[in-house]
PDB file of all heavy atoms in Angstrom:
ATOM      1  N   TRP A   1      -3.204  -5.535   8.253  1.00  0.00           N
ATOM      2  CA  TRP A   1      -2.560  -5.189   9.520  1.00  0.00           C
ATOM      3  C   TRP A   1      -3.378  -5.673  10.714  1.00  0.00           C
ATOM      4  O   TRP A   1      -4.600  -5.614  10.722  1.00  0.00           O
ATOM      5  CB  TRP A   1      -2.363  -3.680   9.621  1.00  0.00           C
ATOM      6  CG  TRP A   1      -1.149  -3.227   8.865  1.00  0.00           C
ATOM      7  CD1 TRP A   1      -0.119  -3.992   8.435  1.00  0.00           C
ATOM      8  CD2 TRP A   1      -0.858  -1.895   8.444  1.00  0.00           C
ATOM      9  NE1 TRP A   1       0.814  -3.232   7.768  1.00  0.00           N
ATOM     10  CE2 TRP A   1       0.388  -1.948   7.760  1.00  0.00           C
ATOM     11  CE3 TRP A   1      -1.511  -0.674   8.565  1.00  0.00           C
ATOM     12  CZ2 TRP A   1       0.978  -0.816   7.210  1.00  0.00           C
ATOM     13  CZ3 TRP A   1      -0.915   0.451   8.006  1.00  0.00           C
ATOM     14  CH2 TRP A   1       0.314   0.385   7.344  1.00  0.00           C
ATOM     15  N   GLY A   2      -2.662  -6.154  11.707  1.00  0.00           N
ATOM     16  CA  GLY A   2      -3.297  -6.561  12.957  1.00  0.00           C
ATOM     17  C   GLY A   2      -3.926  -7.931  12.930  1.00  0.00           C
ATOM     18  O   GLY A   2      -4.503  -8.367  13.932  1.00  0.00           O
ATOM     19  N   VAL A   3      -3.838  -8.653  11.820  1.00  0.00           N
ATOM     20  CA  VAL A   3      -4.412  -9.991  11.721  1.00  0.00           C
ATOM     21  C   VAL A   3      -3.394 -11.005  12.249  1.00  0.00           C
ATOM     22  O   VAL A   3      -2.246 -11.026  11.808  1.00  0.00           O
ATOM     23  CB  VAL A   3      -4.787 -10.324  10.259  1.00  0.00           C
ATOM     24  CG1 VAL A   3      -5.298 -11.764  10.156  1.00  0.00           C
ATOM     25  CG2 VAL A   3      -5.836  -9.346   9.744  1.00  0.00           C
ATOM     26  N   ARG A   4      -3.822 -11.835  13.187  1.00  0.00           N
ATOM     27  CA  ARG A   4      -2.928 -12.823  13.776  1.00  0.00           C
ATOM     28  C   ARG A   4      -2.628 -13.956  12.793  1.00  0.00           C
ATOM     29  O   ARG A   4      -3.403 -14.230  11.893  1.00  0.00           O
ATOM     30  CB  ARG A   4      -3.559 -13.398  15.045  1.00  0.00           C
ATOM     31  CG  ARG A   4      -3.758 -12.378  16.164  1.00  0.00           C
ATOM     32  CD  ARG A   4      -4.410 -13.045  17.363  1.00  0.00           C
ATOM     33  NE  ARG A   4      -4.635 -12.087  18.441  1.00  0.00           N
ATOM     34  CZ  ARG A   4      -5.247 -12.383  19.592  1.00  0.00           C
ATOM     35  NH1 ARG A   4      -5.667 -13.630  19.788  1.00  0.00           N
ATOM     36  NH2 ARG A   4      -5.418 -11.448  20.519  1.00  0.00           N
ATOM     37  N   ASN A   5      -1.499 -14.607  13.029  1.00  0.00           N
ATOM     38  CA  ASN A   5      -1.081 -15.752  12.214  1.00  0.00           C
ATOM     39  C   ASN A   5      -1.079 -15.420  10.717  1.00  0.00           C
ATOM     40  O   ASN A   5      -1.493 -16.229   9.880  1.00  0.00           O
ATOM     41  CB  ASN A   5      -1.999 -16.960  12.480  1.00  0.00           C
ATOM     42  CG  ASN A   5      -1.991 -17.362  13.935  1.00  0.00           C
ATOM     43  OD1 ASN A   5      -0.939 -17.387  14.576  1.00  0.00           O
ATOM     44  ND2 ASN A   5      -3.168 -17.673  14.468  1.00  0.00           N
ATOM     45  N   ARG A   6      -0.604 -14.238  10.425  1.00  0.00           N
ATOM     46  CA  ARG A   6      -0.575 -13.774   9.043  1.00  0.00           C
ATOM     47  C   ARG A   6       0.546 -14.478   8.279  1.00  0.00           C
ATOM     48  O   ARG A   6       1.681 -14.546   8.755  1.00  0.00           O
ATOM     49  CB  ARG A   6      -0.355 -12.264   9.041  1.00  0.00           C
ATOM     50  CG  ARG A   6      -0.402 -11.604   7.668  1.00  0.00           C
ATOM     51  CD  ARG A   6      -0.280 -10.094   7.813  1.00  0.00           C
ATOM     52  NE  ARG A   6       1.026  -9.706   8.339  1.00  0.00           N
ATOM     53  CZ  ARG A   6       1.268  -8.574   8.979  1.00  0.00           C
ATOM     54  NH1 ARG A   6       0.282  -7.737   9.220  1.00  0.00           N
ATOM     55  NH2 ARG A   6       2.484  -8.286   9.396  1.00  0.00           N
ATOM     56  N   PRO A   7       0.269 -14.998   7.075  1.00  0.00           N
ATOM     57  CA  PRO A   7       1.344 -15.576   6.260  1.00  0.00           C
ATOM     58  C   PRO A   7       2.238 -14.450   5.734  1.00  0.00           C
ATOM     59  O   PRO A   7       1.888 -13.270   5.833  1.00  0.00           O
ATOM     60  CB  PRO A   7       0.583 -16.263   5.124  1.00  0.00           C
ATOM     61  CG  PRO A   7      -0.692 -15.502   5.008  1.00  0.00           C
ATOM     62  CD  PRO A   7      -1.036 -15.074   6.406  1.00  0.00           C
ATOM     63  N   PRO A   8       3.395 -14.779   5.196  1.00  0.00           N
ATOM     64  CA  PRO A   8       4.235 -13.722   4.609  1.00  0.00           C
ATOM     65  C   PRO A   8       3.405 -12.873   3.642  1.00  0.00           C
ATOM     66  O   PRO A   8       2.723 -13.411   2.760  1.00  0.00           O
ATOM     67  CB  PRO A   8       5.327 -14.505   3.880  1.00  0.00           C
ATOM     68  CG  PRO A   8       5.400 -15.813   4.610  1.00  0.00           C
ATOM     69  CD  PRO A   8       3.996 -16.117   5.046  1.00  0.00           C
ATOM     70  N   THR A   9       3.452 -11.571   3.841  1.00  0.00           N
ATOM     71  CA  THR A   9       2.596 -10.660   3.074  1.00  0.00           C
ATOM     72  C   THR A   9       3.453  -9.609   2.382  1.00  0.00           C
ATOM     73  O   THR A   9       4.344  -9.023   2.996  1.00  0.00           O
ATOM     74  CB  THR A   9       1.565  -9.985   3.997  1.00  0.00           C
ATOM     75  OG1 THR A   9       0.788 -11.002   4.656  1.00  0.00           O
ATOM     76  CG2 THR A   9       0.629  -9.080   3.206  1.00  0.00           C
ATOM     77  N   ILE A  10       3.170  -9.395   1.098  1.00  0.00           N
ATOM     78  CA  ILE A  10       3.976  -8.510   0.259  1.00  0.00           C
ATOM     79  C   ILE A  10       3.093  -7.390  -0.269  1.00  0.00           C
ATOM     80  O   ILE A  10       1.972  -7.636  -0.737  1.00  0.00           O
ATOM     81  CB  ILE A  10       4.558  -9.278  -0.944  1.00  0.00           C
ATOM     82  CG1 ILE A  10       5.361 -10.487  -0.457  1.00  0.00           C
ATOM     83  CG2 ILE A  10       5.407  -8.381  -1.819  1.00  0.00           C
ATOM     84  CD1 ILE A  10       5.434 -11.587  -1.472  1.00  0.00           C
ATOM     85  N   TRP A  11       3.626  -6.180  -0.242  1.00  0.00           N
ATOM     86  CA  TRP A  11       2.960  -5.052  -0.883  1.00  0.00           C
ATOM     87  C   TRP A  11       3.761  -4.660  -2.114  1.00  0.00           C
ATOM     88  O   TRP A  11       4.945  -4.352  -2.011  1.00  0.00           O
ATOM     89  CB  TRP A  11       2.855  -3.869   0.079  1.00  0.00           C
ATOM     90  CG  TRP A  11       2.244  -2.631  -0.536  1.00  0.00           C
ATOM     91  CD1 TRP A  11       1.324  -2.571  -1.538  1.00  0.00           C
ATOM     92  CD2 TRP A  11       2.525  -1.268  -0.175  1.00  0.00           C
ATOM     93  NE1 TRP A  11       0.996  -1.261  -1.830  1.00  0.00           N
ATOM     94  CE2 TRP A  11       1.721  -0.440  -1.008  1.00  0.00           C
ATOM     95  CE3 TRP A  11       3.362  -0.677   0.770  1.00  0.00           C
ATOM     96  CZ2 TRP A  11       1.752   0.958  -0.916  1.00  0.00           C
ATOM     97  CZ3 TRP A  11       3.384   0.718   0.857  1.00  0.00           C
ATOM     98  CH2 TRP A  11       2.579   1.508   0.025  1.00  0.00           C
ATOM     99  N   ASP A  12       3.107  -4.711  -3.274  1.00  0.00           N
ATOM    100  CA  ASP A  12       3.740  -4.296  -4.529  1.00  0.00           C
ATOM    101  C   ASP A  12       3.460  -2.808  -4.720  1.00  0.00           C
ATOM    102  O   ASP A  12       2.313  -2.412  -4.972  1.00  0.00           O
ATOM    103  CB  ASP A  12       3.168  -5.114  -5.684  1.00  0.00           C
ATOM    104  CG  ASP A  12       3.877  -4.839  -6.998  1.00  0.00           C
ATOM    105  OD1 ASP A  12       4.985  -4.268  -6.965  1.00  0.00           O
ATOM    106  OD2 ASP A  12       3.327  -5.193  -8.057  1.00  0.00           O
ATOM    107  N   VAL A  13       4.495  -1.983  -4.608  1.00  0.00           N
ATOM    108  CA  VAL A  13       4.341  -0.528  -4.676  1.00  0.00           C
ATOM    109  C   VAL A  13       4.371  -0.106  -6.134  1.00  0.00           C
ATOM    110  O   VAL A  13       5.421  -0.122  -6.780  1.00  0.00           O
ATOM    111  CB  VAL A  13       5.459   0.181  -3.874  1.00  0.00           C
ATOM    112  CG1 VAL A  13       5.262   1.691  -3.907  1.00  0.00           C
ATOM    113  CG2 VAL A  13       5.474  -0.328  -2.425  1.00  0.00           C
ATOM    114  N   HIS A  14       3.210   0.296  -6.660  1.00  0.00           N
ATOM    115  CA  HIS A  14       3.059   0.596  -8.082  1.00  0.00           C
ATOM    116  C   HIS A  14       3.430   2.022  -8.446  1.00  0.00           C
ATOM    117  O   HIS A  14       3.741   2.296  -9.606  1.00  0.00           O
ATOM    118  CB  HIS A  14       1.594   0.395  -8.512  1.00  0.00           C
ATOM    119  CG  HIS A  14       1.168  -1.022  -8.609  1.00  0.00           C
ATOM    120  ND1 HIS A  14       0.469  -1.515  -9.675  1.00  0.00           N
ATOM    121  CD2 HIS A  14       1.324  -2.070  -7.761  1.00  0.00           C
ATOM    122  CE1 HIS A  14       0.197  -2.798  -9.496  1.00  0.00           C
ATOM    123  NE2 HIS A  14       0.705  -3.148  -8.331  1.00  0.00           N
ATOM    124  N   GLU A  15       3.304   2.969  -7.498  1.00  0.00           N
ATOM    125  CA  GLU A  15       3.477   4.366  -7.867  1.00  0.00           C
ATOM    126  C   GLU A  15       4.028   5.168  -6.700  1.00  0.00           C
ATOM    127  O   GLU A  15       4.209   4.648  -5.587  1.00  0.00           O
ATOM    128  CB  GLU A  15       2.153   4.960  -8.335  1.00  0.00           C
ATOM    129  CG  GLU A  15       1.059   4.985  -7.271  1.00  0.00           C
ATOM    130  CD  GLU A  15      -0.246   5.585  -7.798  1.00  0.00           C
ATOM    131  OE1 GLU A  15      -0.251   6.114  -8.923  1.00  0.00           O
ATOM    132  OE2 GLU A  15      -1.248   5.529  -7.065  1.00  0.00           O
ATOM    133  N   ASP A  16       4.313   6.434  -6.969  1.00  0.00           N
ATOM    134  CA  ASP A  16       4.720   7.368  -5.921  1.00  0.00           C
ATOM    135  C   ASP A  16       3.450   7.787  -5.208  1.00  0.00           C
ATOM    136  O   ASP A  16       2.799   8.776  -5.578  1.00  0.00           O
ATOM    137  CB  ASP A  16       5.433   8.569  -6.552  1.00  0.00           C
ATOM    138  CG  ASP A  16       5.988   9.531  -5.505  1.00  0.00           C
ATOM    139  OD1 ASP A  16       5.507   9.502  -4.354  1.00  0.00           O
ATOM    140  OD2 ASP A  16       6.875  10.329  -5.843  1.00  0.00           O
ATOM    141  N   ASN A  17       3.058   7.043  -4.189  1.00  0.00           N
ATOM    142  CA  ASN A  17       1.754   7.244  -3.555  1.00  0.00           C
ATOM    143  C   ASN A  17       1.558   8.633  -2.963  1.00  0.00           C
ATOM    144  O   ASN A  17       0.495   9.228  -3.139  1.00  0.00           O
ATOM    145  CB  ASN A  17       1.522   6.163  -2.497  1.00  0.00           C
ATOM    146  CG  ASN A  17       1.378   4.794  -3.121  1.00  0.00           C
ATOM    147  OD1 ASN A  17       0.440   4.531  -3.851  1.00  0.00           O
ATOM    148  ND2 ASN A  17       2.337   3.909  -2.851  1.00  0.00           N
ATOM    149  N   PRO A  18       2.538   9.203  -2.240  1.00  0.00           N
ATOM    150  CA  PRO A  18       2.328  10.560  -1.731  1.00  0.00           C
ATOM    151  C   PRO A  18       2.116  11.572  -2.860  1.00  0.00           C
ATOM    152  O   PRO A  18       1.212  12.411  -2.792  1.00  0.00           O
ATOM    153  CB  PRO A  18       3.619  10.852  -0.954  1.00  0.00           C
ATOM    154  CG  PRO A  18       4.138   9.507  -0.556  1.00  0.00           C
ATOM    155  CD  PRO A  18       3.794   8.617  -1.709  1.00  0.00           C
ATOM    156  N   ALA A  19       2.912  11.502  -3.902  1.00  0.00           N
ATOM    157  CA  ALA A  19       2.778  12.441  -5.022  1.00  0.00           C
ATOM    158  C   ALA A  19       1.456  12.241  -5.754  1.00  0.00           C
ATOM    159  O   ALA A  19       0.887  13.199  -6.299  1.00  0.00           O
ATOM    160  CB  ALA A  19       3.942  12.283  -5.982  1.00  0.00           C
ATOM    161  N   ALA A  20       0.944  11.025  -5.767  1.00  0.00           N
ATOM    162  CA  ALA A  20      -0.286  10.733  -6.500  1.00  0.00           C
ATOM    163  C   ALA A  20      -1.499  11.426  -5.905  1.00  0.00           C
ATOM    164  O   ALA A  20      -2.541  11.544  -6.573  1.00  0.00           O
ATOM    165  CB  ALA A  20      -0.525   9.226  -6.532  1.00  0.00           C
ATOM    166  N   MET A  21      -1.401  11.903  -4.664  1.00  0.00           N
ATOM    167  CA  MET A  21      -2.544  12.568  -4.047  1.00  0.00           C
ATOM    168  C   MET A  21      -2.971  13.810  -4.819  1.00  0.00           C
ATOM    169  O   MET A  21      -4.134  14.210  -4.784  1.00  0.00           O
ATOM    170  CB  MET A  21      -2.226  12.944  -2.594  1.00  0.00           C
ATOM    171  CG  MET A  21      -2.027  11.754  -1.656  1.00  0.00           C
ATOM    172  SD  MET A  21      -3.453  10.640  -1.598  1.00  0.00           S
ATOM    173  CE  MET A  21      -2.847   9.261  -2.580  1.00  0.00           C
ATOM    174  N   SER A  22      -2.038  14.432  -5.532  1.00  0.00           N
ATOM    175  CA  SER A  22      -2.378  15.635  -6.300  1.00  0.00           C
ATOM    176  C   SER A  22      -3.229  15.312  -7.524  1.00  0.00           C
ATOM    177  O   SER A  22      -3.794  16.220  -8.146  1.00  0.00           O
ATOM    178  CB  SER A  22      -1.103  16.358  -6.750  1.00  0.00           C
ATOM    179  OG  SER A  22      -0.367  15.554  -7.649  1.00  0.00           O
ATOM    180  N   LEU A  23      -3.335  14.023  -7.881  1.00  0.00           N
ATOM    181  CA  LEU A  23      -4.076  13.614  -9.070  1.00  0.00           C
ATOM    182  C   LEU A  23      -5.432  13.007  -8.737  1.00  0.00           C
ATOM    183  O   LEU A  23      -6.092  12.462  -9.609  1.00  0.00           O
ATOM    184  CB  LEU A  23      -3.252  12.603  -9.869  1.00  0.00           C
ATOM    185  CG  LEU A  23      -1.890  13.098 -10.353  1.00  0.00           C
ATOM    186  CD1 LEU A  23      -1.130  11.972 -11.035  1.00  0.00           C
ATOM    187  CD2 LEU A  23      -2.059  14.269 -11.308  1.00  0.00           C
ATOM    188  N   LYS A  24      -5.860  13.102  -7.471  1.00  0.00           N
ATOM    189  CA  LYS A  24      -7.142  12.522  -7.061  1.00  0.00           C
ATOM    190  C   LYS A  24      -8.217  13.610  -7.074  1.00  0.00           C
ATOM    191  O   LYS A  24      -8.325  14.391  -6.127  1.00  0.00           O
ATOM    192  CB  LYS A  24      -7.040  11.911  -5.653  1.00  0.00           C
ATOM    193  CG  LYS A  24      -5.876  10.945  -5.458  1.00  0.00           C
ATOM    194  CD  LYS A  24      -5.997   9.705  -6.304  1.00  0.00           C
ATOM    195  CE  LYS A  24      -4.871   8.715  -6.012  1.00  0.00           C
ATOM    196  NZ  LYS A  24      -4.884   7.564  -6.896  1.00  0.00           N
ATOM    197  N   PRO A  25      -9.033  13.708  -8.125  1.00  0.00           N
ATOM    198  CA  PRO A  25     -10.027  14.784  -8.189  1.00  0.00           C
ATOM    199  C   PRO A  25     -11.084  14.702  -7.097  1.00  0.00           C
ATOM    200  O   PRO A  25     -11.710  15.704  -6.754  1.00  0.00           O
ATOM    201  CB  PRO A  25     -10.647  14.603  -9.587  1.00  0.00           C
ATOM    202  CG  PRO A  25     -10.358  13.193  -9.967  1.00  0.00           C
ATOM    203  CD  PRO A  25      -9.065  12.847  -9.319  1.00  0.00           C
TER     204      PRO A  25
END
């Protein structure tokens, strides 16, 4: 984020990130 002249950028969403917070010891 915030980097100029950024090429097309893709985020591969692997999991239910909000729900995964309960599994972070």
